[in-house]
Amino acid sequence: MAGRFDHPGRLAPRLVCLSAGVLLSTLSMSHAVAAETVFDELRFGASGSINTGNSRESGLFPSATIFFDPLSSGTATTWQSILEPRIYLGASAGTGSGVDQVFGGFSWTADITSRLFVELGLGGTVHNGKLDGGSGKGPELGCRLLFREQVAVGYRVTGNWQILATADHSSHANLCEGPNNGLSHAGLAIGYKF
């Protein structure tokens, strides 16, 4: 396993294949899934690094995320929705000198209007970036497992389709030894709610 993370270029094709497999599986099961409401949303996006200096990653970061909603009662008021977050799993593949990630966590959504909403996500990520020192540019991340926060502002185009402006940040919050440059990205995404 450690060998895969020592060579970032090897993991990117695997993450793209994994994302494509998730998409095909989800689309082929969409009718059954919609009836069971286990899968809530499938989201695809692309982002870029907003780090500065040597910790900036080059290239784009295509991503795929699937949201599950097993905790929803369907009748929660706004304050009760805090107790009913969605669960998400996703992956992003770095192009250029970018870091590949597999991430997951909990997500909360708050409506501003019937179409405009904000979203907050908290979780973790596993990455294949460099831990410390070494050659080349790019962030020094200290450890393989990082905390990950994400925020989005979205607009519901239809009952199923939505577009989002996204931002995410990952770091170890100084809980492990080594540098903590972190990973920070901003981008756009499109989501399909089942």
N, C-alpha and C. Protein backbone atom coordinates (compact mmCIF):
# COMPACT_ATOMS: atom_id res chain seq x y z
N MET A 1 0.83 -1.19 0.00
CA MET A 1 0.00 0.00 0.00
C MET A 1 0.87 1.25 0.00
N ALA A 2 1.95 1.25 0.76
CA ALA A 2 2.79 2.43 0.83
C ALA A 2 3.37 2.77 -0.53
N GLY A 3 3.67 1.77 -1.36
CA GLY A 3 4.23 2.01 -2.67
C GLY A 3 3.31 2.83 -3.56
N ARG A 4 2.02 2.63 -3.45
CA ARG A 4 1.06 3.40 -4.26
C ARG A 4 1.11 4.87 -3.92
N PHE A 5 1.27 5.18 -2.63
CA PHE A 5 1.27 6.57 -2.21
C PHE A 5 2.60 7.26 -2.46
N ASP A 6 3.67 6.48 -2.72
CA ASP A 6 4.96 7.08 -3.01
C ASP A 6 5.01 7.65 -4.43
N HIS A 7 4.10 7.23 -5.30
CA HIS A 7 4.08 7.66 -6.69
C HIS A 7 2.72 8.23 -7.03
N PRO A 8 2.53 9.57 -6.87
CA PRO A 8 1.20 10.16 -7.07
C PRO A 8 0.59 9.89 -8.44
N GLY A 9 1.38 9.79 -9.49
CA GLY A 9 0.84 9.59 -10.83
C GLY A 9 0.15 8.26 -11.01
N ARG A 10 0.46 7.28 -10.18
CA ARG A 10 -0.14 5.95 -10.31
C ARG A 10 -1.55 5.89 -9.75
N LEU A 11 -1.87 6.72 -8.78
CA LEU A 11 -3.18 6.66 -8.15
C LEU A 11 -4.25 7.40 -8.96
N ALA A 12 -3.87 8.44 -9.69
CA ALA A 12 -4.85 9.25 -10.43
C ALA A 12 -5.70 8.41 -11.38
N PRO A 13 -5.11 7.53 -12.21
CA PRO A 13 -5.97 6.72 -13.09
C PRO A 13 -6.91 5.82 -12.30
N ARG A 14 -6.47 5.31 -11.16
CA ARG A 14 -7.34 4.46 -10.34
C ARG A 14 -8.51 5.26 -9.79
N LEU A 15 -8.25 6.51 -9.36
CA LEU A 15 -9.33 7.33 -8.83
C LEU A 15 -10.34 7.68 -9.92
N VAL A 16 -9.86 7.95 -11.12
CA VAL A 16 -10.77 8.25 -12.23
C VAL A 16 -11.62 7.03 -12.54
N CYS A 17 -11.00 5.85 -12.58
CA CYS A 17 -11.77 4.61 -12.84
C CYS A 17 -12.78 4.35 -11.74
N LEU A 18 -12.37 4.59 -10.48
CA LEU A 18 -13.28 4.40 -9.36
C LEU A 18 -14.48 5.34 -9.48
N SER A 19 -14.22 6.59 -9.81
CA SER A 19 -15.30 7.57 -9.96
C SER A 19 -16.24 7.17 -11.10
N ALA A 20 -15.68 6.72 -12.22
CA ALA A 20 -16.51 6.29 -13.35
C ALA A 20 -17.34 5.08 -12.96
N GLY A 21 -16.76 4.17 -12.20
CA GLY A 21 -17.51 2.99 -11.75
C GLY A 21 -18.65 3.37 -10.84
N VAL A 22 -18.40 4.32 -9.93
CA VAL A 22 -19.46 4.80 -9.04
C VAL A 22 -20.59 5.41 -9.86
N LEU A 23 -20.24 6.23 -10.86
CA LEU A 23 -21.25 6.86 -11.71
C LEU A 23 -22.07 5.82 -12.45
N LEU A 24 -21.42 4.87 -13.11
CA LEU A 24 -22.14 3.86 -13.89
C LEU A 24 -23.03 3.01 -13.00
N SER A 25 -22.51 2.62 -11.84
CA SER A 25 -23.32 1.82 -10.92
C SER A 25 -24.53 2.60 -10.44
N THR A 26 -24.30 3.85 -10.12
CA THR A 26 -25.38 4.69 -9.61
C THR A 26 -26.43 4.93 -10.68
N LEU A 27 -26.01 5.22 -11.90
CA LEU A 27 -26.97 5.48 -12.97
C LEU A 27 -27.76 4.23 -13.32
N SER A 28 -27.10 3.06 -13.28
CA SER A 28 -27.82 1.84 -13.62
C SER A 28 -28.82 1.45 -12.54
N MET A 29 -28.61 1.92 -11.32
CA MET A 29 -29.52 1.59 -10.23
C MET A 29 -30.45 2.76 -9.88
N SER A 30 -30.47 3.80 -10.70
CA SER A 30 -31.17 5.04 -10.32
C SER A 30 -32.64 4.84 -10.01
N HIS A 31 -33.35 3.99 -10.74
CA HIS A 31 -34.77 3.79 -10.45
C HIS A 31 -34.98 3.10 -9.11
N ALA A 32 -34.22 2.06 -8.84
CA ALA A 32 -34.35 1.37 -7.55
C ALA A 32 -33.88 2.26 -6.42
N VAL A 33 -32.80 3.00 -6.64
CA VAL A 33 -32.26 3.87 -5.61
C VAL A 33 -33.23 4.98 -5.28
N ALA A 34 -33.85 5.56 -6.29
CA ALA A 34 -34.78 6.66 -6.05
C ALA A 34 -35.94 6.19 -5.19
N ALA A 35 -36.39 4.97 -5.39
CA ALA A 35 -37.49 4.45 -4.60
C ALA A 35 -37.07 4.22 -3.15
N GLU A 36 -35.83 3.79 -2.93
CA GLU A 36 -35.36 3.51 -1.58
C GLU A 36 -34.80 4.74 -0.90
N THR A 37 -34.46 5.76 -1.62
CA THR A 37 -33.86 7.01 -1.14
C THR A 37 -32.61 6.80 -0.29
N VAL A 38 -31.80 5.80 -0.61
CA VAL A 38 -30.53 5.61 0.08
C VAL A 38 -29.52 6.61 -0.48
N PHE A 39 -29.38 6.65 -1.80
CA PHE A 39 -28.51 7.63 -2.43
C PHE A 39 -29.29 8.92 -2.58
N ASP A 40 -28.69 10.00 -2.17
CA ASP A 40 -29.39 11.28 -2.24
C ASP A 40 -28.92 12.14 -3.41
N GLU A 41 -27.62 12.11 -3.69
CA GLU A 41 -27.10 12.99 -4.73
C GLU A 41 -25.80 12.44 -5.28
N LEU A 42 -25.56 12.67 -6.57
CA LEU A 42 -24.29 12.38 -7.22
C LEU A 42 -23.76 13.71 -7.74
N ARG A 43 -22.52 14.02 -7.41
CA ARG A 43 -21.97 15.34 -7.74
C ARG A 43 -20.61 15.19 -8.42
N PHE A 44 -20.41 15.97 -9.50
CA PHE A 44 -19.13 16.03 -10.21
C PHE A 44 -18.66 17.47 -10.22
N GLY A 45 -17.35 17.65 -10.07
CA GLY A 45 -16.83 19.00 -10.06
C GLY A 45 -15.39 19.05 -10.51
N ALA A 46 -14.87 20.26 -10.54
CA ALA A 46 -13.46 20.51 -10.82
C ALA A 46 -13.05 21.72 -10.00
N SER A 47 -11.84 21.67 -9.48
CA SER A 47 -11.35 22.76 -8.66
C SER A 47 -9.88 23.01 -8.96
N GLY A 48 -9.36 24.07 -8.38
CA GLY A 48 -7.95 24.41 -8.50
C GLY A 48 -7.41 24.80 -7.13
N SER A 49 -6.09 24.70 -6.98
CA SER A 49 -5.46 25.04 -5.71
C SER A 49 -5.53 26.53 -5.45
N ILE A 50 -5.81 26.90 -4.20
CA ILE A 50 -5.76 28.32 -3.80
C ILE A 50 -4.65 28.54 -2.78
N ASN A 51 -3.77 27.54 -2.60
CA ASN A 51 -2.58 27.73 -1.78
C ASN A 51 -1.63 28.68 -2.50
N THR A 52 -0.71 29.26 -1.78
CA THR A 52 0.26 30.17 -2.38
C THR A 52 1.68 29.63 -2.18
N GLY A 53 2.62 30.21 -2.91
CA GLY A 53 4.03 29.84 -2.78
C GLY A 53 4.31 28.41 -3.19
N ASN A 54 5.28 27.78 -2.51
CA ASN A 54 5.68 26.41 -2.83
C ASN A 54 4.62 25.37 -2.49
N SER A 55 3.63 25.73 -1.66
CA SER A 55 2.60 24.76 -1.31
C SER A 55 1.45 24.74 -2.32
N ARG A 56 1.56 25.56 -3.37
CA ARG A 56 0.53 25.57 -4.41
C ARG A 56 0.68 24.33 -5.31
N GLU A 57 -0.45 23.69 -5.63
CA GLU A 57 -0.46 22.56 -6.54
C GLU A 57 -0.83 23.05 -7.93
N SER A 58 -0.18 22.49 -8.95
CA SER A 58 -0.54 22.86 -10.32
C SER A 58 -1.61 21.90 -10.84
N GLY A 59 -2.32 22.34 -11.86
CA GLY A 59 -3.31 21.48 -12.50
C GLY A 59 -4.70 21.63 -11.93
N LEU A 60 -5.62 20.85 -12.49
CA LEU A 60 -7.00 20.82 -12.03
C LEU A 60 -7.26 19.57 -11.20
N PHE A 61 -8.38 19.59 -10.48
CA PHE A 61 -8.75 18.49 -9.61
C PHE A 61 -10.18 18.05 -9.92
N PRO A 62 -10.37 17.17 -10.92
CA PRO A 62 -11.72 16.63 -11.15
C PRO A 62 -12.11 15.76 -9.95
N SER A 63 -13.40 15.81 -9.59
CA SER A 63 -13.85 15.04 -8.43
C SER A 63 -15.23 14.46 -8.67
N ALA A 64 -15.52 13.41 -7.93
CA ALA A 64 -16.85 12.79 -7.92
C ALA A 64 -17.19 12.49 -6.47
N THR A 65 -18.42 12.83 -6.07
CA THR A 65 -18.87 12.62 -4.70
C THR A 65 -20.28 12.05 -4.73
N ILE A 66 -20.54 11.09 -3.86
CA ILE A 66 -21.88 10.56 -3.72
C ILE A 66 -22.35 10.83 -2.30
N PHE A 67 -23.59 11.30 -2.19
CA PHE A 67 -24.18 11.63 -0.90
C PHE A 67 -25.26 10.60 -0.56
N PHE A 68 -25.27 10.18 0.69
CA PHE A 68 -26.27 9.26 1.22
C PHE A 68 -27.09 10.02 2.26
N ASP A 69 -28.34 9.64 2.43
CA ASP A 69 -29.19 10.33 3.38
C ASP A 69 -29.95 9.35 4.28
N PRO A 70 -29.22 8.45 4.97
CA PRO A 70 -29.92 7.44 5.77
C PRO A 70 -30.50 7.99 7.08
N LEU A 71 -30.09 9.17 7.50
CA LEU A 71 -30.54 9.71 8.78
C LEU A 71 -31.77 10.61 8.65
N SER A 72 -32.17 10.93 7.43
CA SER A 72 -33.26 11.88 7.23
C SER A 72 -34.62 11.28 7.58
N SER A 73 -35.38 12.04 8.33
CA SER A 73 -36.75 11.62 8.63
C SER A 73 -37.72 12.16 7.59
N GLY A 74 -37.24 13.14 6.80
CA GLY A 74 -38.08 13.75 5.77
C GLY A 74 -39.00 14.81 6.32
N THR A 75 -39.03 14.98 7.64
CA THR A 75 -39.92 15.97 8.24
C THR A 75 -39.19 16.93 9.17
N ALA A 76 -37.86 16.94 9.14
CA ALA A 76 -37.09 17.77 10.06
C ALA A 76 -37.27 19.26 9.76
N THR A 77 -37.43 20.03 10.81
CA THR A 77 -37.43 21.48 10.66
C THR A 77 -35.98 21.92 10.54
N THR A 78 -35.75 23.21 10.25
CA THR A 78 -34.40 23.70 10.02
C THR A 78 -33.46 23.36 11.17
N TRP A 79 -33.85 23.61 12.41
CA TRP A 79 -32.95 23.33 13.53
C TRP A 79 -32.77 21.83 13.76
N GLN A 80 -33.78 21.02 13.43
CA GLN A 80 -33.65 19.57 13.60
C GLN A 80 -32.73 18.96 12.55
N SER A 81 -32.53 19.63 11.42
CA SER A 81 -31.69 19.08 10.36
C SER A 81 -30.23 18.96 10.82
N ILE A 82 -29.85 19.65 11.88
CA ILE A 82 -28.50 19.51 12.43
C ILE A 82 -28.28 18.07 12.89
N LEU A 83 -29.33 17.43 13.34
CA LEU A 83 -29.24 16.05 13.82
C LEU A 83 -29.36 15.03 12.69
N GLU A 84 -29.61 15.49 11.47
CA GLU A 84 -29.81 14.59 10.33
C GLU A 84 -28.90 14.94 9.15
N PRO A 85 -27.57 14.88 9.35
CA PRO A 85 -26.67 15.21 8.24
C PRO A 85 -26.69 14.13 7.17
N ARG A 86 -26.27 14.52 5.97
CA ARG A 86 -26.03 13.52 4.93
C ARG A 86 -24.60 13.00 5.09
N ILE A 87 -24.37 11.80 4.62
CA ILE A 87 -23.04 11.20 4.62
C ILE A 87 -22.52 11.25 3.19
N TYR A 88 -21.24 11.62 3.02
CA TYR A 88 -20.69 11.68 1.68
C TYR A 88 -19.37 10.92 1.58
N LEU A 89 -19.11 10.38 0.38
CA LEU A 89 -17.86 9.72 0.03
C LEU A 89 -17.45 10.23 -1.34
N GLY A 90 -16.18 10.52 -1.52
CA GLY A 90 -15.76 11.04 -2.81
C GLY A 90 -14.28 10.84 -3.06
N ALA A 91 -13.85 11.24 -4.24
CA ALA A 91 -12.45 11.17 -4.64
C ALA A 91 -12.14 12.32 -5.57
N SER A 92 -10.92 12.81 -5.50
CA SER A 92 -10.46 13.80 -6.46
C SER A 92 -9.09 13.37 -6.96
N ALA A 93 -8.85 13.58 -8.24
CA ALA A 93 -7.60 13.20 -8.87
C ALA A 93 -6.85 14.47 -9.27
N GLY A 94 -5.63 14.59 -8.81
CA GLY A 94 -4.83 15.77 -9.15
C GLY A 94 -4.15 15.59 -10.49
N THR A 95 -4.24 16.60 -11.32
CA THR A 95 -3.47 16.62 -12.56
C THR A 95 -2.23 17.46 -12.28
N GLY A 96 -1.27 17.46 -13.16
CA GLY A 96 -0.05 18.23 -12.90
C GLY A 96 0.63 17.72 -11.65
N SER A 97 0.98 18.62 -10.74
CA SER A 97 1.62 18.23 -9.48
C SER A 97 0.60 18.06 -8.37
N GLY A 98 -0.66 17.91 -8.71
CA GLY A 98 -1.73 17.83 -7.73
C GLY A 98 -1.74 16.55 -6.93
N VAL A 99 -2.33 16.63 -5.76
CA VAL A 99 -2.44 15.51 -4.82
C VAL A 99 -3.79 14.82 -5.02
N ASP A 100 -3.78 13.49 -5.09
CA ASP A 100 -5.00 12.70 -5.18
C ASP A 100 -5.56 12.50 -3.77
N GLN A 101 -6.90 12.46 -3.66
CA GLN A 101 -7.52 12.28 -2.35
C GLN A 101 -8.73 11.34 -2.46
N VAL A 102 -8.99 10.63 -1.38
CA VAL A 102 -10.23 9.91 -1.16
C VAL A 102 -10.76 10.45 0.15
N PHE A 103 -12.01 10.94 0.17
CA PHE A 103 -12.51 11.66 1.34
C PHE A 103 -13.93 11.25 1.69
N GLY A 104 -14.34 11.59 2.89
CA GLY A 104 -15.69 11.30 3.34
C GLY A 104 -16.00 12.08 4.60
N GLY A 105 -17.29 12.12 4.94
CA GLY A 105 -17.68 12.82 6.15
C GLY A 105 -19.18 13.06 6.21
N PHE A 106 -19.56 14.10 6.93
CA PHE A 106 -20.95 14.49 7.13
C PHE A 106 -21.17 15.87 6.52
N SER A 107 -22.37 16.09 5.97
CA SER A 107 -22.70 17.34 5.29
C SER A 107 -24.06 17.85 5.77
N TRP A 108 -24.13 19.16 6.02
CA TRP A 108 -25.37 19.81 6.43
C TRP A 108 -25.73 20.88 5.40
N THR A 109 -27.01 20.99 5.06
CA THR A 109 -27.49 21.97 4.08
C THR A 109 -28.52 22.87 4.74
N ALA A 110 -28.41 24.17 4.45
CA ALA A 110 -29.38 25.15 4.95
C ALA A 110 -29.90 25.95 3.77
N ASP A 111 -31.21 26.01 3.60
CA ASP A 111 -31.83 26.76 2.51
C ASP A 111 -31.85 28.25 2.86
N ILE A 112 -31.44 29.07 1.89
CA ILE A 112 -31.58 30.51 2.02
C ILE A 112 -32.90 30.94 1.40
N THR A 113 -33.18 30.38 0.20
CA THR A 113 -34.48 30.52 -0.46
C THR A 113 -34.86 29.13 -0.94
N SER A 114 -35.94 29.02 -1.71
CA SER A 114 -36.31 27.70 -2.22
C SER A 114 -35.30 27.17 -3.23
N ARG A 115 -34.50 28.04 -3.82
CA ARG A 115 -33.50 27.61 -4.81
C ARG A 115 -32.06 27.78 -4.33
N LEU A 116 -31.78 28.77 -3.52
CA LEU A 116 -30.43 29.07 -3.07
C LEU A 116 -30.17 28.42 -1.72
N PHE A 117 -28.99 27.78 -1.56
CA PHE A 117 -28.67 27.10 -0.30
C PHE A 117 -27.17 27.17 -0.03
N VAL A 118 -26.81 26.90 1.21
CA VAL A 118 -25.42 26.77 1.61
C VAL A 118 -25.23 25.38 2.20
N GLU A 119 -23.99 24.89 2.13
CA GLU A 119 -23.69 23.55 2.59
C GLU A 119 -22.36 23.58 3.33
N LEU A 120 -22.28 22.83 4.42
CA LEU A 120 -21.06 22.69 5.20
C LEU A 120 -20.77 21.22 5.38
N GLY A 121 -19.53 20.81 5.14
CA GLY A 121 -19.15 19.42 5.31
C GLY A 121 -17.93 19.29 6.20
N LEU A 122 -17.93 18.28 7.06
CA LEU A 122 -16.80 18.00 7.95
C LEU A 122 -16.47 16.52 7.86
N GLY A 123 -15.18 16.21 7.72
CA GLY A 123 -14.79 14.81 7.62
C GLY A 123 -13.29 14.65 7.57
N GLY A 124 -12.85 13.68 6.79
CA GLY A 124 -11.44 13.39 6.67
C GLY A 124 -11.07 12.98 5.27
N THR A 125 -9.77 12.93 5.01
CA THR A 125 -9.27 12.54 3.69
C THR A 125 -7.97 11.75 3.84
N VAL A 126 -7.73 10.85 2.90
CA VAL A 126 -6.46 10.15 2.76
C VAL A 126 -5.89 10.62 1.43
N HIS A 127 -4.61 10.92 1.40
CA HIS A 127 -4.00 11.52 0.19
C HIS A 127 -2.69 10.81 -0.15
N ASN A 128 -2.15 11.14 -1.32
CA ASN A 128 -0.88 10.58 -1.74
C ASN A 128 0.18 11.67 -1.95
N GLY A 129 0.00 12.83 -1.33
CA GLY A 129 0.97 13.91 -1.43
C GLY A 129 2.21 13.64 -0.59
N LYS A 130 3.21 14.53 -0.71
CA LYS A 130 4.43 14.33 0.07
C LYS A 130 4.19 14.73 1.52
N LEU A 131 4.85 14.02 2.42
CA LEU A 131 4.67 14.27 3.84
C LEU A 131 5.58 15.38 4.34
N ASP A 132 6.84 15.33 3.97
CA ASP A 132 7.76 16.41 4.36
C ASP A 132 8.97 16.39 3.46
N GLY A 133 9.63 17.55 3.38
CA GLY A 133 10.85 17.66 2.59
C GLY A 133 10.69 17.12 1.19
N GLY A 134 11.74 16.51 0.71
CA GLY A 134 11.68 15.92 -0.63
C GLY A 134 11.88 16.96 -1.71
N SER A 135 11.90 16.50 -2.92
CA SER A 135 12.14 17.39 -4.05
C SER A 135 10.83 17.89 -4.64
N GLY A 136 10.94 18.95 -5.39
CA GLY A 136 9.79 19.47 -6.11
C GLY A 136 8.90 20.38 -5.28
N LYS A 137 7.98 20.98 -5.98
CA LYS A 137 7.04 21.88 -5.33
C LYS A 137 5.84 21.09 -4.83
N GLY A 138 4.97 21.78 -4.15
CA GLY A 138 3.77 21.15 -3.64
C GLY A 138 3.76 21.16 -2.13
N PRO A 139 2.60 21.01 -1.55
CA PRO A 139 2.48 21.11 -0.10
C PRO A 139 3.14 19.93 0.63
N GLU A 140 3.69 20.23 1.80
CA GLU A 140 4.20 19.22 2.71
C GLU A 140 3.11 19.01 3.76
N LEU A 141 2.59 17.79 3.85
CA LEU A 141 1.34 17.58 4.57
C LEU A 141 1.47 16.87 5.92
N GLY A 142 2.64 16.35 6.25
CA GLY A 142 2.88 15.81 7.59
C GLY A 142 2.39 14.39 7.83
N CYS A 143 1.18 14.06 7.46
CA CYS A 143 0.66 12.69 7.66
C CYS A 143 -0.36 12.36 6.57
N ARG A 144 -0.64 11.08 6.39
CA ARG A 144 -1.53 10.62 5.31
C ARG A 144 -3.00 10.93 5.56
N LEU A 145 -3.43 10.89 6.80
CA LEU A 145 -4.83 11.13 7.12
C LEU A 145 -4.98 12.56 7.63
N LEU A 146 -5.87 13.32 6.98
CA LEU A 146 -6.08 14.73 7.32
C LEU A 146 -7.55 14.99 7.63
N PHE A 147 -7.80 16.02 8.41
CA PHE A 147 -9.16 16.53 8.56
C PHE A 147 -9.52 17.25 7.27
N ARG A 148 -10.81 17.27 6.93
CA ARG A 148 -11.24 17.97 5.71
C ARG A 148 -12.54 18.70 5.97
N GLU A 149 -12.55 19.99 5.63
CA GLU A 149 -13.76 20.80 5.73
C GLU A 149 -14.11 21.28 4.33
N GLN A 150 -15.40 21.36 4.06
CA GLN A 150 -15.83 21.88 2.77
C GLN A 150 -17.03 22.80 2.96
N VAL A 151 -17.15 23.77 2.08
CA VAL A 151 -18.27 24.69 2.10
C VAL A 151 -18.71 24.92 0.65
N ALA A 152 -20.00 25.13 0.44
CA ALA A 152 -20.52 25.36 -0.91
C ALA A 152 -21.72 26.29 -0.83
N VAL A 153 -21.87 27.05 -1.90
CA VAL A 153 -23.08 27.84 -2.11
C VAL A 153 -23.68 27.29 -3.39
N GLY A 154 -24.95 26.89 -3.32
CA GLY A 154 -25.57 26.23 -4.46
C GLY A 154 -26.86 26.86 -4.91
N TYR A 155 -27.22 26.55 -6.15
CA TYR A 155 -28.46 27.03 -6.76
C TYR A 155 -29.16 25.84 -7.40
N ARG A 156 -30.42 25.60 -7.02
CA ARG A 156 -31.21 24.51 -7.60
C ARG A 156 -31.80 24.98 -8.92
N VAL A 157 -31.29 24.44 -10.02
CA VAL A 157 -31.76 24.81 -11.35
C VAL A 157 -33.13 24.19 -11.60
N THR A 158 -33.28 22.92 -11.22
CA THR A 158 -34.56 22.20 -11.30
C THR A 158 -34.72 21.42 -9.99
N GLY A 159 -35.73 20.59 -9.92
CA GLY A 159 -35.91 19.76 -8.75
C GLY A 159 -34.80 18.74 -8.56
N ASN A 160 -34.10 18.38 -9.65
CA ASN A 160 -33.03 17.38 -9.57
C ASN A 160 -31.63 17.97 -9.74
N TRP A 161 -31.48 18.99 -10.58
CA TRP A 161 -30.15 19.50 -10.92
C TRP A 161 -29.81 20.75 -10.11
N GLN A 162 -28.55 20.82 -9.69
CA GLN A 162 -28.07 22.00 -8.98
C GLN A 162 -26.63 22.29 -9.36
N ILE A 163 -26.24 23.56 -9.28
CA ILE A 163 -24.86 23.97 -9.52
C ILE A 163 -24.33 24.59 -8.23
N LEU A 164 -23.03 24.42 -7.99
CA LEU A 164 -22.45 24.87 -6.74
C LEU A 164 -21.09 25.51 -6.94
N ALA A 165 -20.79 26.53 -6.15
CA ALA A 165 -19.43 27.06 -6.01
C ALA A 165 -18.89 26.42 -4.73
N THR A 166 -17.73 25.80 -4.81
CA THR A 166 -17.22 25.00 -3.70
C THR A 166 -15.85 25.47 -3.23
N ALA A 167 -15.54 25.16 -1.99
CA ALA A 167 -14.20 25.35 -1.43
C ALA A 167 -13.97 24.26 -0.40
N ASP A 168 -12.73 23.79 -0.31
CA ASP A 168 -12.40 22.78 0.70
C ASP A 168 -10.99 23.02 1.22
N HIS A 169 -10.75 22.57 2.44
CA HIS A 169 -9.43 22.68 3.06
C HIS A 169 -9.16 21.41 3.85
N SER A 170 -7.95 20.89 3.72
CA SER A 170 -7.53 19.69 4.45
C SER A 170 -6.21 19.96 5.15
N SER A 171 -6.11 19.55 6.41
CA SER A 171 -4.86 19.67 7.15
C SER A 171 -4.93 18.74 8.36
N HIS A 172 -3.81 18.58 9.06
CA HIS A 172 -3.83 17.71 10.24
C HIS A 172 -3.99 18.49 11.54
N ALA A 173 -4.22 19.81 11.46
CA ALA A 173 -4.49 20.64 12.64
C ALA A 173 -3.39 20.50 13.69
N ASN A 174 -2.15 20.27 13.24
CA ASN A 174 -0.99 20.13 14.12
C ASN A 174 -1.14 18.98 15.13
N LEU A 175 -1.88 17.94 14.75
CA LEU A 175 -2.05 16.79 15.62
C LEU A 175 -1.06 15.66 15.32
N CYS A 176 -0.27 15.82 14.26
CA CYS A 176 0.81 14.87 14.01
C CYS A 176 2.08 15.68 13.73
N GLU A 177 3.23 15.02 13.86
CA GLU A 177 4.48 15.73 13.66
C GLU A 177 4.68 16.02 12.17
N GLY A 178 5.51 17.00 11.91
CA GLY A 178 5.83 17.33 10.54
C GLY A 178 5.12 18.58 10.08
N PRO A 179 5.43 19.01 8.86
CA PRO A 179 4.84 20.24 8.32
C PRO A 179 3.33 20.10 8.11
N ASN A 180 2.68 21.25 8.00
CA ASN A 180 1.22 21.26 7.85
C ASN A 180 0.81 22.36 6.87
N ASN A 181 1.30 22.26 5.61
CA ASN A 181 0.93 23.25 4.60
C ASN A 181 -0.55 23.19 4.24
N GLY A 182 -1.15 22.02 4.32
CA GLY A 182 -2.56 21.85 4.00
C GLY A 182 -2.84 21.87 2.52
N LEU A 183 -4.05 21.47 2.18
CA LEU A 183 -4.55 21.48 0.81
C LEU A 183 -5.78 22.38 0.79
N SER A 184 -5.81 23.36 -0.09
CA SER A 184 -6.97 24.26 -0.20
C SER A 184 -7.35 24.40 -1.66
N HIS A 185 -8.64 24.21 -1.96
CA HIS A 185 -9.13 24.25 -3.34
C HIS A 185 -10.43 25.05 -3.42
N ALA A 186 -10.69 25.61 -4.57
CA ALA A 186 -11.97 26.26 -4.87
C ALA A 186 -12.36 25.87 -6.29
N GLY A 187 -13.68 25.73 -6.53
CA GLY A 187 -14.10 25.31 -7.86
C GLY A 187 -15.60 25.33 -8.04
N LEU A 188 -16.05 24.61 -9.06
CA LEU A 188 -17.47 24.51 -9.41
C LEU A 188 -17.87 23.05 -9.49
N ALA A 189 -19.14 22.78 -9.21
CA ALA A 189 -19.65 21.41 -9.28
C ALA A 189 -21.08 21.43 -9.77
N ILE A 190 -21.50 20.29 -10.32
CA ILE A 190 -22.89 20.10 -10.71
C ILE A 190 -23.38 18.83 -10.01
N GLY A 191 -24.57 18.90 -9.46
CA GLY A 191 -25.10 17.76 -8.71
C GLY A 191 -26.45 17.33 -9.25
N TYR A 192 -26.70 16.04 -9.16
CA TYR A 192 -28.00 15.48 -9.52
C TYR A 192 -28.59 14.82 -8.28
N LYS A 193 -29.73 15.32 -7.79
CA LYS A 193 -30.40 14.74 -6.63
C LYS A 193 -31.43 13.73 -7.10
N PHE A 194 -31.42 12.56 -6.49
CA PHE A 194 -32.36 11.49 -6.85
C PHE A 194 -33.71 11.73 -6.24
